[in-house]
Amino acid sequence: MSRKPVLEGGKRDEIMDAALELFFEKGYDATSIRTIMRKVGSEVGLFYYYFENKDDVFDKAVHRFLAQYEAGMEDIVQRAKRDPFRAMNFFFHYMQKITKEFRDRYAEHIHQTVRWAIQEYVLTMIVSYVRQIIEILMQLGAKPSLDIEVAAQFIARGAGSIILHEDEEFMLKKQEEVRKGVNLIMGLDARMADLMFPIDAEEKDIKEICDFIKETDNGIFAEKRAESEEEIKERIAQREIFLICHEKRVAGLILFSKERKEVDYLAVANEFRHRGVATRLFVTAMAQYPLETKLSTVIASSWENTNRAEAEKFMRRFGFESSETPHDGKNDTERRSMIIRDKRTSG
């Protein structure tokens, strides 16, 4: 009997669903084609219309099962094109999330041999997604210490294996070590790697944020404004503050409003200037708005010439243009705006 052309849906999917359920329950060796077709309620001959053998149905059933997770991985790669400096974190947080969900749902109802097989399928699958993220980071100046294919394999199979095989408690204890390993592969100086990655501000950071705003006098742009602890707390809740920290100190921060579509403040501590901190913070903030959003900020004419020149240079690089010049009788300020386009900025 010749094999039927492979079509999506219908009886073919029914056979794969039944096969996967039996593989989960009994394992690969204890599941026969006859058992699968008995569960479907069809003759064994029909199996060979769609599949070559048991290996074939196992492979296709597992890939179909994993498709639900691949969609999330693809979303992260697409997101990485606009929010690149947090992309690797997004990816491994997603891996941790789906691993926990899988264990909670299937751990007690899946044969160990099939669980091992699925883990290997996942590790193979994620290599291509990690490689795409590395490619995006390389366009922004990253220089992996290994060939890109080898780097993708090391990160996916190394960090990925730890997430898939170890328990949550182990991950919490060792995530900093895992991060160091990834940084080494990506060619980042271990002492300064944290300057590459903007993070969401948390309530525990409120005092340091307020102190930083109060003490920093070299804002890249946006008129400096006082922020109370309550205002900062509200901004944190709205996810409108990103930090870059080094050795538990704020190296730079950006405050922005999603509702007003404005950047209110961007500053970098003196010792970390000219390291791309401002660019990484700003690119990450821009990624929180839809493309074609008109984003505005204000530059104060009262700033010192050196700060103003730096702000002007930064604004030109991102395409800001003058839009209005309000006068409030106290400060002469100059408002600038830009349209967020689908492009990446290095720095």
Protein backbone atom coordinates (compact mmCIF):
# COMPACT_ATOMS: atom_id res chain seq x y z
CA MET A 1 0.00 0.00 0.00
CA SER A 2 1.64 3.28 -1.06
CA ARG A 3 2.04 6.12 1.40
CA LYS A 4 -0.54 8.88 1.20
CA PRO A 5 0.81 12.40 0.54
CA VAL A 6 1.50 14.10 3.88
CA LEU A 7 -1.33 16.51 4.60
CA GLU A 8 -1.94 18.64 7.67
CA GLY A 9 -4.82 17.91 10.01
CA GLY A 10 -7.40 15.14 9.97
CA LYS A 11 -6.45 11.54 10.65
CA ARG A 12 -2.72 12.26 10.50
CA ASP A 13 -2.93 14.64 13.48
CA GLU A 14 -5.20 12.21 15.31
CA ILE A 15 -2.59 9.49 14.95
CA MET A 16 0.18 11.83 16.18
CA ASP A 17 -1.89 12.89 19.20
CA ALA A 18 -2.59 9.29 20.14
CA ALA A 19 1.06 8.32 19.62
CA LEU A 20 2.36 11.16 21.75
CA GLU A 21 -0.03 10.32 24.58
CA LEU A 22 1.12 6.70 24.54
CA PHE A 23 4.80 7.61 24.27
CA PHE A 24 4.41 9.90 27.30
CA GLU A 25 2.66 7.20 29.28
CA LYS A 26 4.52 4.01 28.28
CA GLY A 27 7.78 5.20 26.75
CA TYR A 28 9.07 4.64 23.24
CA ASP A 29 9.94 0.95 23.46
CA ALA A 30 6.66 -0.12 25.06
CA THR A 31 4.53 1.71 22.47
CA SER A 32 3.80 -0.22 19.29
CA ILE A 33 2.24 0.93 16.05
CA ARG A 34 -0.58 -1.52 16.66
CA THR A 35 -1.24 0.07 20.09
CA ILE A 36 -1.30 3.53 18.55
CA MET A 37 -3.79 2.52 15.88
CA ARG A 38 -5.96 0.68 18.37
CA LYS A 39 -6.21 3.92 20.35
CA VAL A 40 -7.16 5.78 17.15
CA GLY A 41 -9.68 3.08 16.25
CA SER A 42 -8.23 2.37 12.82
CA GLU A 43 -6.39 -0.45 11.05
CA VAL A 44 -2.61 -0.64 11.15
CA GLY A 45 -2.46 -0.28 7.38
CA LEU A 46 -3.68 3.30 7.65
CA PHE A 47 -0.60 4.18 9.70
CA TYR A 48 1.65 3.60 6.68
CA TYR A 49 -0.42 5.99 4.57
CA TYR A 50 1.05 8.78 6.71
CA PHE A 51 4.25 7.54 8.36
CA GLU A 52 7.22 5.42 7.42
CA ASN A 53 7.69 3.74 10.81
CA LYS A 54 7.53 4.33 14.56
CA ASP A 55 10.60 6.60 14.51
CA ASP A 56 8.86 8.78 11.94
CA VAL A 57 5.68 9.24 13.96
CA PHE A 58 7.68 9.85 17.15
CA ASP A 59 9.77 12.54 15.46
CA LYS A 60 6.78 14.29 13.90
CA ALA A 61 4.63 14.02 17.04
CA VAL A 62 7.35 15.57 19.22
CA HIS A 63 7.98 18.37 16.73
CA ARG A 64 4.26 19.09 16.62
CA PHE A 65 4.17 19.16 20.42
CA LEU A 66 7.13 21.56 20.57
CA ALA A 67 5.65 23.93 17.98
CA GLN A 68 3.73 25.67 20.76
CA TYR A 69 7.05 26.64 22.35
CA GLU A 70 8.80 27.50 19.10
CA ALA A 71 6.30 30.30 18.52
CA GLY A 72 7.43 31.94 21.77
CA MET A 73 11.09 31.58 20.79
CA GLU A 74 10.44 33.16 17.41
CA ASP A 75 8.68 36.06 19.16
CA ILE A 76 11.77 36.63 21.29
CA VAL A 77 14.04 36.72 18.23
CA GLN A 78 11.73 39.26 16.59
CA ARG A 79 11.66 41.26 19.82
CA ALA A 80 15.46 41.13 19.92
CA LYS A 81 15.62 43.17 16.74
CA ARG A 82 14.20 46.14 18.66
CA ASP A 83 15.28 45.30 22.22
CA PRO A 84 18.62 43.59 21.59
CA PHE A 85 20.47 44.22 24.82
CA ARG A 86 17.99 42.20 26.86
CA ALA A 87 17.42 39.49 24.25
CA MET A 88 19.56 36.75 25.79
CA ASN A 89 17.92 37.31 29.17
CA PHE A 90 14.47 37.16 27.55
CA PHE A 91 15.38 33.89 25.89
CA PHE A 92 16.60 32.09 29.00
CA HIS A 93 13.79 33.48 31.17
CA TYR A 94 11.41 32.01 28.60
CA MET A 95 13.28 28.70 28.76
CA GLN A 96 12.92 28.66 32.55
CA LYS A 97 9.22 29.50 32.28
CA ILE A 98 8.33 26.77 29.80
CA THR A 99 10.49 24.23 31.63
CA LYS A 100 8.60 24.89 34.84
CA GLU A 101 5.25 24.69 33.03
CA PHE A 102 6.25 21.40 31.38
CA ARG A 103 7.35 19.88 34.68
CA ASP A 104 4.22 21.03 36.49
CA ARG A 105 1.99 19.56 33.81
CA TYR A 106 3.80 16.42 32.68
CA ALA A 107 6.52 15.42 35.17
CA GLU A 108 4.39 12.82 36.92
CA HIS A 109 2.82 11.52 33.70
CA ILE A 110 5.72 11.12 31.30
CA HIS A 111 8.06 8.20 30.83
CA GLN A 112 11.63 9.17 31.72
CA THR A 113 13.09 8.00 28.39
CA VAL A 114 10.67 10.21 26.47
CA ARG A 115 11.42 13.13 28.77
CA TRP A 116 15.13 12.75 27.97
CA ALA A 117 14.35 12.56 24.26
CA ILE A 118 12.26 15.75 24.41
CA GLN A 119 15.04 17.56 26.25
CA GLU A 120 17.44 16.64 23.44
CA TYR A 121 14.94 17.81 20.81
CA VAL A 122 14.60 21.13 22.63
CA LEU A 123 18.37 21.66 22.87
CA THR A 124 18.73 20.98 19.16
CA MET A 125 15.82 23.28 18.36
CA ILE A 126 17.03 26.28 20.36
CA VAL A 127 20.47 26.45 18.75
CA SER A 128 19.12 28.29 15.71
CA TYR A 129 17.31 30.84 17.87
CA VAL A 130 20.40 31.52 20.00
CA ARG A 131 22.44 31.92 16.81
CA GLN A 132 19.98 34.53 15.50
CA ILE A 133 20.24 36.48 18.76
CA ILE A 134 24.04 36.36 18.59
CA GLU A 135 23.89 37.66 15.00
CA ILE A 136 21.76 40.60 16.12
CA LEU A 137 24.20 41.39 18.95
CA MET A 138 27.15 41.15 16.56
CA GLN A 139 25.56 43.85 14.41
CA LEU A 140 25.67 46.02 17.53
CA GLY A 141 29.35 45.38 18.19
CA ALA A 142 29.43 42.10 20.13
CA LYS A 143 32.49 39.97 19.35
CA PRO A 144 32.00 36.36 20.46
CA SER A 145 35.21 34.63 21.50
CA LEU A 146 34.18 31.59 19.43
CA ASP A 147 32.96 30.99 15.89
CA ILE A 148 29.26 31.94 15.80
CA GLU A 149 28.09 28.36 15.19
CA VAL A 150 30.22 27.03 18.03
CA ALA A 151 29.13 29.91 20.30
CA ALA A 152 25.46 29.15 19.59
CA GLN A 153 25.99 25.47 20.37
CA PHE A 154 27.86 26.20 23.61
CA ILE A 155 25.27 28.68 24.88
CA ALA A 156 22.20 26.70 23.81
CA ARG A 157 23.43 23.30 24.92
CA GLY A 158 25.35 24.53 27.95
CA ALA A 159 23.00 27.02 29.58
CA GLY A 160 19.99 25.25 28.03
CA SER A 161 20.98 21.91 29.57
CA ILE A 162 21.27 23.45 33.02
CA ILE A 163 17.77 24.90 32.74
CA LEU A 164 16.25 21.69 31.36
CA HIS A 165 18.02 19.20 33.62
CA GLU A 166 18.48 20.97 36.95
CA ASP A 167 15.81 21.97 39.43
CA GLU A 168 14.66 25.53 40.07
CA GLU A 169 16.63 25.82 43.33
CA PHE A 170 19.87 24.98 41.53
CA MET A 171 19.15 27.60 38.87
CA LEU A 172 18.56 30.30 41.47
CA LYS A 173 21.89 29.50 43.10
CA LYS A 174 23.89 29.23 39.89
CA GLN A 175 22.29 31.73 37.50
CA GLU A 176 25.07 34.26 38.10
CA GLU A 177 27.66 31.62 37.17
CA VAL A 178 25.65 30.71 34.07
CA ARG A 179 25.54 34.38 33.11
CA LYS A 180 29.32 34.63 33.51
CA GLY A 181 29.77 31.66 31.19
CA VAL A 182 27.55 33.21 28.53
CA ASN A 183 29.41 36.52 28.86
CA LEU A 184 32.76 34.78 28.36
CA ILE A 185 31.51 33.09 25.20
CA MET A 186 30.18 36.44 23.96
CA GLY A 187 33.61 37.96 24.49
CA LEU A 188 32.56 40.32 27.27
CA ASP A 189 34.98 41.48 29.95
CA ALA A 190 33.76 39.70 33.09
CA ARG A 191 34.34 42.81 35.23
CA MET A 192 32.38 45.15 32.96
CA ALA A 193 29.81 42.83 31.32
CA ASP A 194 26.91 44.19 33.36
CA LEU A 195 27.32 47.55 31.58
CA MET A 196 25.89 45.85 28.48
CA PHE A 197 22.50 44.98 29.91
CA PRO A 198 19.69 47.38 30.92
CA ILE A 199 17.44 45.99 33.64
CA ASP A 200 14.00 46.92 34.95
CA ALA A 201 14.13 49.03 38.10
CA GLU A 202 12.68 47.43 41.23
CA GLU A 203 11.33 48.90 44.44
CA LYS A 204 14.54 47.97 46.26
CA ASP A 205 16.33 50.44 43.93
CA ILE A 206 14.18 53.48 44.82
CA LYS A 207 16.57 55.20 47.22
CA GLU A 208 19.57 54.73 44.95
CA ILE A 209 17.59 56.01 41.96
CA CYS A 210 16.52 59.14 43.83
CA ASP A 211 20.09 59.73 45.03
CA PHE A 212 21.43 59.25 41.51
CA ILE A 213 18.99 61.77 40.02
CA LYS A 214 19.76 64.24 42.77
CA GLU A 215 23.53 63.93 42.50
CA THR A 216 24.07 63.49 38.76
CA ASP A 217 24.59 66.75 36.90
CA ASN A 218 25.57 65.48 33.46
CA GLY A 219 22.30 64.37 31.91
CA ILE A 220 22.66 63.41 28.26
CA PHE A 221 19.33 65.02 27.54
CA ALA A 222 15.92 65.84 29.02
CA GLU A 223 15.57 68.62 31.51
CA LYS A 224 16.57 67.43 34.94
CA ARG A 225 13.60 67.12 37.25
CA ALA A 226 13.12 66.18 40.89
CA GLU A 227 11.49 62.83 41.52
CA SER A 228 10.08 61.81 44.90
CA GLU A 229 10.22 58.24 46.14
CA GLU A 230 6.48 57.92 45.48
CA GLU A 231 6.89 59.13 41.90
CA ILE A 232 9.74 56.69 41.35
CA LYS A 233 7.67 53.87 42.84
CA GLU A 234 4.84 54.65 40.42
CA ARG A 235 7.23 54.71 37.47
CA ILE A 236 8.62 51.34 38.51
CA ALA A 237 5.10 49.93 38.61
CA GLN A 238 4.54 51.27 35.08
CA ARG A 239 7.93 49.83 33.97
CA GLU A 240 9.12 53.28 32.94
CA ILE A 241 12.65 53.13 34.38
CA PHE A 242 15.63 51.16 33.13
CA LEU A 243 18.95 50.94 34.89
CA ILE A 244 22.42 49.80 34.00
CA CYS A 245 24.29 48.85 37.13
CA HIS A 246 27.87 47.97 37.91
CA GLU A 247 28.89 46.29 41.16
CA LYS A 248 25.45 47.08 42.61
CA ARG A 249 25.75 50.78 41.80
CA VAL A 250 23.68 52.71 39.25
CA ALA A 251 25.89 53.45 36.26
CA GLY A 252 23.10 55.04 34.23
CA LEU A 253 19.33 55.32 34.08
CA ILE A 254 16.52 56.44 31.84
CA LEU A 255 13.06 57.65 32.87
CA PHE A 256 10.35 57.80 30.23
CA SER A 257 6.58 58.06 29.98
CA LYS A 258 4.63 55.56 27.89
CA GLU A 259 1.49 57.70 28.09
CA ARG A 260 3.12 61.03 27.21
CA LYS A 261 5.60 59.40 24.80
CA GLU A 262 8.41 61.41 26.31
CA VAL A 263 11.86 60.75 27.69
CA ASP A 264 12.11 62.66 30.96
CA TYR A 265 15.66 61.95 31.99
CA LEU A 266 18.75 60.07 30.79
CA ALA A 267 22.05 60.24 32.61
CA VAL A 268 25.25 58.25 33.01
CA ALA A 269 27.67 58.43 35.95
CA ASN A 270 30.92 60.19 35.00
CA GLU A 271 33.12 57.09 35.31
CA PHE A 272 30.95 55.16 32.84
CA ARG A 273 30.56 57.75 30.11
CA HIS A 274 31.66 56.87 26.56
CA ARG A 275 31.01 53.17 27.14
CA GLY A 276 27.73 53.03 25.20
CA VAL A 277 25.62 53.03 28.38
CA ALA A 278 23.37 55.88 27.22
CA THR A 279 22.79 54.24 23.84
CA ARG A 280 21.83 50.89 25.35
CA LEU A 281 19.42 52.54 27.78
CA PHE A 282 17.81 54.63 25.04
CA VAL A 283 17.49 51.76 22.53
CA THR A 284 15.85 49.65 25.25
CA ALA A 285 13.42 52.44 26.13
CA MET A 286 12.51 52.96 22.45
CA ALA A 287 11.61 49.28 22.20
CA GLN A 288 8.75 49.88 24.66
CA TYR A 289 6.90 51.98 22.05
CA PRO A 290 5.31 50.81 18.80
CA LEU A 291 7.15 51.64 15.59
CA GLU A 292 6.27 55.02 14.10
CA THR A 293 5.69 56.49 17.58
CA LYS A 294 6.63 60.16 17.85
CA LEU A 295 8.93 60.34 20.87
CA SER A 296 9.79 63.69 22.43
CA THR A 297 12.26 65.06 24.94
CA VAL A 298 13.45 68.42 26.23
CA ILE A 299 16.91 69.91 26.29
CA ALA A 300 17.50 72.76 28.71
CA SER A 301 19.36 75.78 27.35
CA SER A 302 20.77 76.42 30.82
CA TRP A 303 23.03 73.36 30.59
CA GLU A 304 26.77 73.80 30.32
CA ASN A 305 28.11 73.85 26.79
CA THR A 306 29.91 70.49 27.13
CA ASN A 307 26.73 68.71 28.22
CA ARG A 308 24.69 70.47 25.58
CA ALA A 309 27.10 69.50 22.82
CA GLU A 310 26.97 65.88 23.95
CA ALA A 311 23.17 65.98 24.02
CA GLU A 312 23.05 67.49 20.52
CA LYS A 313 25.36 64.79 19.15
CA PHE A 314 23.28 62.04 20.76
CA MET A 315 20.04 63.50 19.40
CA ARG A 316 21.36 63.77 15.86
CA ARG A 317 22.40 60.12 15.91
CA PHE A 318 18.85 59.07 16.74
CA GLY A 319 17.14 61.50 14.36
CA PHE A 320 15.70 64.05 16.82
CA GLU A 321 14.56 67.33 15.30
CA SER A 322 13.38 70.59 16.86
CA SER A 323 9.61 70.73 17.23
CA GLU A 324 8.87 73.68 19.53
CA THR A 325 10.57 76.11 21.91
CA PRO A 326 8.39 76.96 24.92
CA HIS A 327 9.30 79.78 27.28
CA ASP A 328 8.00 79.55 30.83
CA GLY A 329 9.76 82.65 32.17
CA LYS A 330 12.10 80.56 34.31
CA ASN A 331 13.95 78.28 31.92
CA ASP A 332 14.41 78.43 28.21
CA THR A 333 13.85 74.91 26.99
CA GLU A 334 13.98 73.33 23.58
CA ARG A 335 11.72 70.39 22.75
CA ARG A 336 12.87 67.79 20.25
CA SER A 337 11.04 64.85 18.71
CA MET A 338 11.84 61.80 16.62
CA ILE A 339 9.89 59.02 14.92
CA ILE A 340 10.87 55.53 16.06
CA ARG A 341 11.89 53.60 12.96
CA ASP A 342 12.81 49.96 12.43
CA LYS A 343 16.55 50.40 12.58
CA ARG A 344 19.32 49.61 15.03
CA THR A 345 21.81 52.05 16.46
CA SER A 346 25.29 50.99 17.51
CA GLY A 347 27.35 52.59 20.25
